[in-house]
């Protein structure tokens, strides 16, 4: 169904550009502002924060890769099947659980 595929591409583009990109920018800016405001020197010795920031950077890279996949899909150059996307979809969940766990437990 070509009409359904085109509708999906439009929805995907609006979600990525209209909701996900602005949310990523705002969340990253607020996180950096929080680090700056409270002083990096206070946090420099906290290993859990370094691990959390590393995971957040990986999530940002994941987001940018999703944009690349979206552009390939828009150009009808998708080379992955549904099984890849099912597993690919679980990756950020695992990272987000780790990020929240690090922030709550502060293990090191």
N, C-alpha and C. Protein backbone atom coordinates (compact mmCIF):
# COMPACT_ATOMS: atom_id res chain seq x y z
N UNK A 1 0.84 -1.17 0.00
CA UNK A 1 0.00 0.00 0.00
C UNK A 1 0.89 1.25 0.00
N UNK A 2 1.09 1.85 -1.13
CA UNK A 2 1.99 3.00 -1.28
C UNK A 2 1.49 4.22 -0.51
N UNK A 3 0.17 4.42 -0.48
CA UNK A 3 -0.38 5.57 0.25
C UNK A 3 -0.08 5.43 1.74
N UNK A 4 -0.19 4.23 2.27
CA UNK A 4 0.11 4.00 3.68
C UNK A 4 1.58 4.23 3.99
N UNK A 5 2.45 3.81 3.09
CA UNK A 5 3.89 4.01 3.27
C UNK A 5 4.22 5.50 3.28
N UNK A 6 3.63 6.24 2.35
CA UNK A 6 3.88 7.68 2.29
C UNK A 6 3.34 8.38 3.54
N UNK A 7 2.20 7.95 4.04
CA UNK A 7 1.63 8.52 5.26
C UNK A 7 2.57 8.23 6.44
N UNK A 8 3.09 7.01 6.49
CA UNK A 8 4.03 6.64 7.56
C UNK A 8 5.30 7.50 7.49
N UNK A 9 5.80 7.74 6.29
CA UNK A 9 7.00 8.58 6.13
C UNK A 9 6.75 9.99 6.64
N UNK A 10 5.56 10.52 6.35
CA UNK A 10 5.20 11.87 6.81
C UNK A 10 5.10 11.90 8.33
N UNK A 11 4.45 10.91 8.91
CA UNK A 11 4.32 10.84 10.36
C UNK A 11 5.69 10.72 11.02
N UNK A 12 6.54 9.89 10.44
CA UNK A 12 7.88 9.68 10.97
C UNK A 12 8.68 10.97 10.94
N UNK A 13 8.62 11.69 9.84
CA UNK A 13 9.35 12.94 9.70
C UNK A 13 8.87 13.98 10.71
N UNK A 14 7.55 14.08 10.88
CA UNK A 14 7.00 15.05 11.83
C UNK A 14 7.37 14.70 13.26
N UNK A 15 7.37 13.42 13.59
CA UNK A 15 7.74 12.99 14.93
C UNK A 15 9.21 13.31 15.20
N UNK A 16 10.08 12.98 14.25
CA UNK A 16 11.51 13.17 14.44
C UNK A 16 11.86 14.65 14.52
N UNK A 17 11.38 15.43 13.57
CA UNK A 17 11.76 16.85 13.50
C UNK A 17 10.96 17.72 14.46
N UNK A 18 9.71 17.37 14.67
CA UNK A 18 8.83 18.24 15.46
C UNK A 18 8.82 17.95 16.94
N UNK A 19 9.11 16.71 17.32
CA UNK A 19 9.04 16.35 18.74
C UNK A 19 10.39 15.87 19.26
N UNK A 20 11.00 14.91 18.58
CA UNK A 20 12.22 14.31 19.10
C UNK A 20 13.42 15.25 19.09
N UNK A 21 13.66 15.93 17.97
CA UNK A 21 14.81 16.84 17.90
C UNK A 21 14.72 17.97 18.92
N UNK A 22 13.58 18.69 18.98
CA UNK A 22 13.52 19.75 20.00
C UNK A 22 13.65 19.23 21.42
N UNK A 23 13.07 18.07 21.69
CA UNK A 23 13.17 17.49 23.03
C UNK A 23 14.61 17.14 23.37
N UNK A 24 15.34 16.58 22.40
CA UNK A 24 16.74 16.25 22.64
C UNK A 24 17.56 17.50 22.91
N UNK A 25 17.33 18.55 22.14
CA UNK A 25 18.09 19.79 22.31
C UNK A 25 17.80 20.41 23.68
N UNK A 26 16.53 20.48 24.05
CA UNK A 26 16.15 21.08 25.34
C UNK A 26 16.72 20.26 26.50
N UNK A 27 16.58 18.93 26.45
CA UNK A 27 17.07 18.08 27.54
C UNK A 27 18.59 18.18 27.66
N UNK A 28 19.29 18.20 26.54
CA UNK A 28 20.75 18.31 26.57
C UNK A 28 21.18 19.67 27.10
N UNK A 29 20.52 20.73 26.64
CA UNK A 29 20.85 22.08 27.10
C UNK A 29 20.60 22.22 28.61
N UNK A 30 19.48 21.70 29.08
CA UNK A 30 19.19 21.79 30.51
C UNK A 30 20.17 20.96 31.34
N UNK A 31 20.57 19.81 30.83
CA UNK A 31 21.56 19.00 31.53
C UNK A 31 22.91 19.69 31.63
N UNK A 32 23.33 20.30 30.52
CA UNK A 32 24.60 21.04 30.53
C UNK A 32 24.52 22.26 31.45
N UNK A 33 23.38 22.93 31.43
CA UNK A 33 23.18 24.08 32.30
C UNK A 33 23.24 23.66 33.77
N UNK A 34 22.63 22.52 34.08
CA UNK A 34 22.66 22.01 35.44
C UNK A 34 24.08 21.69 35.88
N UNK A 35 24.85 21.07 35.00
CA UNK A 35 26.26 20.80 35.32
C UNK A 35 27.03 22.09 35.55
N UNK A 36 26.78 23.07 34.70
CA UNK A 36 27.48 24.35 34.82
C UNK A 36 27.06 25.08 36.10
N UNK A 37 25.78 25.10 36.38
CA UNK A 37 25.24 25.85 37.52
C UNK A 37 25.73 25.29 38.85
N UNK A 38 25.74 23.99 38.98
CA UNK A 38 26.18 23.39 40.24
C UNK A 38 27.69 23.22 40.32
N UNK A 39 28.34 23.41 39.21
CA UNK A 39 29.80 23.35 39.21
C UNK A 39 30.33 21.96 38.92
N UNK A 40 31.03 21.87 37.82
CA UNK A 40 31.59 20.58 37.42
C UNK A 40 32.58 20.08 38.46
N UNK A 41 33.25 20.97 39.15
CA UNK A 41 34.24 20.52 40.14
C UNK A 41 33.59 19.71 41.26
N UNK A 42 32.33 20.02 41.58
CA UNK A 42 31.63 19.26 42.61
C UNK A 42 31.34 17.84 42.13
N UNK A 43 31.14 17.68 40.82
CA UNK A 43 30.77 16.39 40.26
C UNK A 43 31.96 15.61 39.69
N UNK A 44 33.11 16.23 39.60
CA UNK A 44 34.25 15.63 38.89
C UNK A 44 34.68 14.29 39.47
N UNK A 45 34.49 14.08 40.75
CA UNK A 45 34.95 12.83 41.36
C UNK A 45 33.87 11.75 41.42
N UNK A 46 32.69 12.04 40.91
CA UNK A 46 31.58 11.08 40.96
C UNK A 46 31.58 10.19 39.73
N UNK A 47 32.01 8.95 39.90
CA UNK A 47 32.11 8.03 38.78
C UNK A 47 30.78 7.70 38.13
N UNK A 48 29.71 7.66 38.94
CA UNK A 48 28.40 7.35 38.38
C UNK A 48 27.96 8.40 37.37
N UNK A 49 28.34 9.66 37.62
CA UNK A 49 27.96 10.73 36.70
C UNK A 49 28.71 10.61 35.38
N UNK A 50 29.97 10.22 35.43
CA UNK A 50 30.74 10.01 34.20
C UNK A 50 30.12 8.89 33.38
N UNK A 51 29.71 7.81 34.05
CA UNK A 51 29.06 6.70 33.36
C UNK A 51 27.72 7.14 32.77
N UNK A 52 26.97 7.93 33.52
CA UNK A 52 25.68 8.43 33.04
C UNK A 52 25.85 9.33 31.82
N UNK A 53 26.80 10.23 31.87
CA UNK A 53 27.05 11.12 30.73
C UNK A 53 27.48 10.32 29.51
N UNK A 54 28.28 9.30 29.70
CA UNK A 54 28.69 8.43 28.59
C UNK A 54 27.48 7.75 27.96
N UNK A 55 26.58 7.24 28.79
CA UNK A 55 25.37 6.60 28.27
C UNK A 55 24.47 7.60 27.55
N UNK A 56 24.40 8.82 28.05
CA UNK A 56 23.59 9.86 27.39
C UNK A 56 24.19 10.21 26.03
N UNK A 57 25.50 10.27 25.94
CA UNK A 57 26.15 10.53 24.65
C UNK A 57 25.85 9.40 23.67
N UNK A 58 25.84 8.16 24.15
CA UNK A 58 25.49 7.03 23.29
C UNK A 58 24.04 7.15 22.83
N UNK A 59 23.14 7.61 23.72
CA UNK A 59 21.74 7.81 23.33
C UNK A 59 21.61 8.91 22.27
N UNK A 60 22.41 9.95 22.37
CA UNK A 60 22.38 11.01 21.37
C UNK A 60 22.86 10.46 20.02
N UNK A 61 23.91 9.64 20.05
CA UNK A 61 24.39 9.00 18.81
C UNK A 61 23.31 8.09 18.23
N UNK A 62 22.60 7.37 19.09
CA UNK A 62 21.49 6.52 18.66
C UNK A 62 20.42 7.36 17.96
N UNK A 63 20.09 8.49 18.56
CA UNK A 63 19.09 9.39 17.98
C UNK A 63 19.51 9.88 16.59
N UNK A 64 20.77 10.26 16.47
CA UNK A 64 21.26 10.72 15.17
C UNK A 64 21.26 9.59 14.14
N UNK A 65 21.57 8.38 14.57
CA UNK A 65 21.51 7.23 13.66
C UNK A 65 20.08 6.94 13.24
N UNK A 66 19.13 7.15 14.15
CA UNK A 66 17.72 7.00 13.79
C UNK A 66 17.35 7.99 12.67
N UNK A 67 17.90 9.18 12.73
CA UNK A 67 17.65 10.16 11.66
C UNK A 67 18.22 9.68 10.34
N UNK A 68 19.37 9.05 10.39
CA UNK A 68 19.97 8.49 9.18
C UNK A 68 19.09 7.38 8.60
N UNK A 69 18.60 6.52 9.47
CA UNK A 69 17.70 5.44 9.02
C UNK A 69 16.41 6.02 8.44
N UNK A 70 15.92 7.08 9.05
CA UNK A 70 14.69 7.72 8.56
C UNK A 70 14.90 8.30 7.17
N UNK A 71 16.03 8.94 6.94
CA UNK A 71 16.31 9.50 5.62
C UNK A 71 16.45 8.39 4.57
N UNK A 72 17.06 7.27 4.94
CA UNK A 72 17.17 6.14 4.02
C UNK A 72 15.79 5.57 3.71
N UNK A 73 14.94 5.50 4.72
CA UNK A 73 13.58 5.00 4.51
C UNK A 73 12.80 5.95 3.60
N UNK A 74 12.97 7.26 3.79
CA UNK A 74 12.28 8.25 2.96
C UNK A 74 12.70 8.15 1.50
N UNK A 75 13.96 7.75 1.27
CA UNK A 75 14.46 7.61 -0.10
C UNK A 75 14.24 6.19 -0.64
N UNK A 76 13.44 5.38 0.08
CA UNK A 76 13.16 3.99 -0.31
C UNK A 76 14.44 3.16 -0.42
N UNK A 77 15.38 3.40 0.47
CA UNK A 77 16.65 2.66 0.49
C UNK A 77 16.82 1.90 1.79
N UNK A 78 15.72 1.47 2.38
CA UNK A 78 15.78 0.71 3.62
C UNK A 78 16.37 -0.66 3.35
N UNK A 79 17.42 -1.02 4.09
CA UNK A 79 18.06 -2.30 3.85
C UNK A 79 17.91 -3.27 5.01
N UNK A 80 17.09 -2.91 6.01
CA UNK A 80 16.90 -3.76 7.17
C UNK A 80 15.47 -4.28 7.23
N UNK A 81 15.32 -5.41 7.87
CA UNK A 81 14.01 -6.02 8.03
C UNK A 81 13.40 -5.71 9.38
N UNK A 82 12.22 -6.24 9.61
CA UNK A 82 11.50 -5.94 10.84
C UNK A 82 12.19 -6.51 12.08
N UNK A 83 12.93 -7.59 11.94
CA UNK A 83 13.62 -8.17 13.10
C UNK A 83 14.72 -7.23 13.58
N UNK A 84 15.46 -6.61 12.65
CA UNK A 84 16.48 -5.63 13.04
C UNK A 84 15.84 -4.49 13.82
N UNK A 85 14.73 -3.97 13.33
CA UNK A 85 14.10 -2.82 13.99
C UNK A 85 13.49 -3.20 15.33
N UNK A 86 13.04 -4.43 15.49
CA UNK A 86 12.52 -4.86 16.79
C UNK A 86 13.63 -4.86 17.83
N UNK A 87 14.81 -5.37 17.48
CA UNK A 87 15.94 -5.35 18.41
C UNK A 87 16.51 -3.95 18.57
N UNK A 88 16.57 -3.21 17.49
CA UNK A 88 17.08 -1.84 17.50
C UNK A 88 16.23 -0.97 18.43
N UNK A 89 14.95 -1.24 18.49
CA UNK A 89 14.02 -0.50 19.33
C UNK A 89 14.25 -0.75 20.82
N UNK A 90 14.82 -1.88 21.19
CA UNK A 90 15.03 -2.21 22.60
C UNK A 90 16.30 -1.60 23.16
N UNK A 91 17.23 -1.24 22.30
CA UNK A 91 18.52 -0.70 22.74
C UNK A 91 18.38 0.54 23.64
N UNK A 92 17.58 1.56 23.25
CA UNK A 92 17.50 2.74 24.12
C UNK A 92 16.81 2.45 25.45
N UNK A 93 15.92 1.46 25.47
CA UNK A 93 15.26 1.12 26.74
C UNK A 93 16.29 0.64 27.75
N UNK A 94 17.18 -0.22 27.29
CA UNK A 94 18.22 -0.74 28.18
C UNK A 94 19.11 0.40 28.68
N UNK A 95 19.48 1.29 27.76
CA UNK A 95 20.33 2.42 28.17
C UNK A 95 19.60 3.35 29.14
N UNK A 96 18.33 3.61 28.89
CA UNK A 96 17.58 4.50 29.78
C UNK A 96 17.41 3.90 31.18
N UNK A 97 17.20 2.60 31.25
CA UNK A 97 17.12 1.95 32.56
C UNK A 97 18.46 2.10 33.29
N UNK A 98 19.55 1.95 32.57
CA UNK A 98 20.87 2.11 33.17
C UNK A 98 21.10 3.55 33.62
N UNK A 99 20.69 4.52 32.82
CA UNK A 99 20.86 5.94 33.17
C UNK A 99 20.07 6.26 34.44
N UNK A 100 18.82 5.85 34.50
CA UNK A 100 18.00 6.13 35.68
C UNK A 100 18.55 5.40 36.89
N UNK A 101 18.97 4.17 36.71
CA UNK A 101 19.54 3.41 37.83
C UNK A 101 20.80 4.08 38.38
N UNK A 102 21.64 4.55 37.49
CA UNK A 102 22.85 5.26 37.94
C UNK A 102 22.50 6.52 38.73
N UNK A 103 21.50 7.25 38.26
CA UNK A 103 21.13 8.49 38.93
C UNK A 103 20.48 8.25 40.29
N UNK A 104 19.76 7.14 40.42
CA UNK A 104 19.07 6.86 41.69
C UNK A 104 19.99 6.17 42.69
N UNK A 105 20.69 5.14 42.24
CA UNK A 105 21.50 4.33 43.15
C UNK A 105 22.86 4.97 43.44
N UNK A 106 23.44 5.62 42.45
CA UNK A 106 24.78 6.24 42.57
C UNK A 106 25.78 5.24 43.15
N UNK A 107 26.03 4.15 42.40
CA UNK A 107 26.80 3.04 42.95
C UNK A 107 28.28 3.34 43.18
N UNK A 108 28.85 4.30 42.50
CA UNK A 108 30.27 4.59 42.67
C UNK A 108 30.54 6.05 42.41
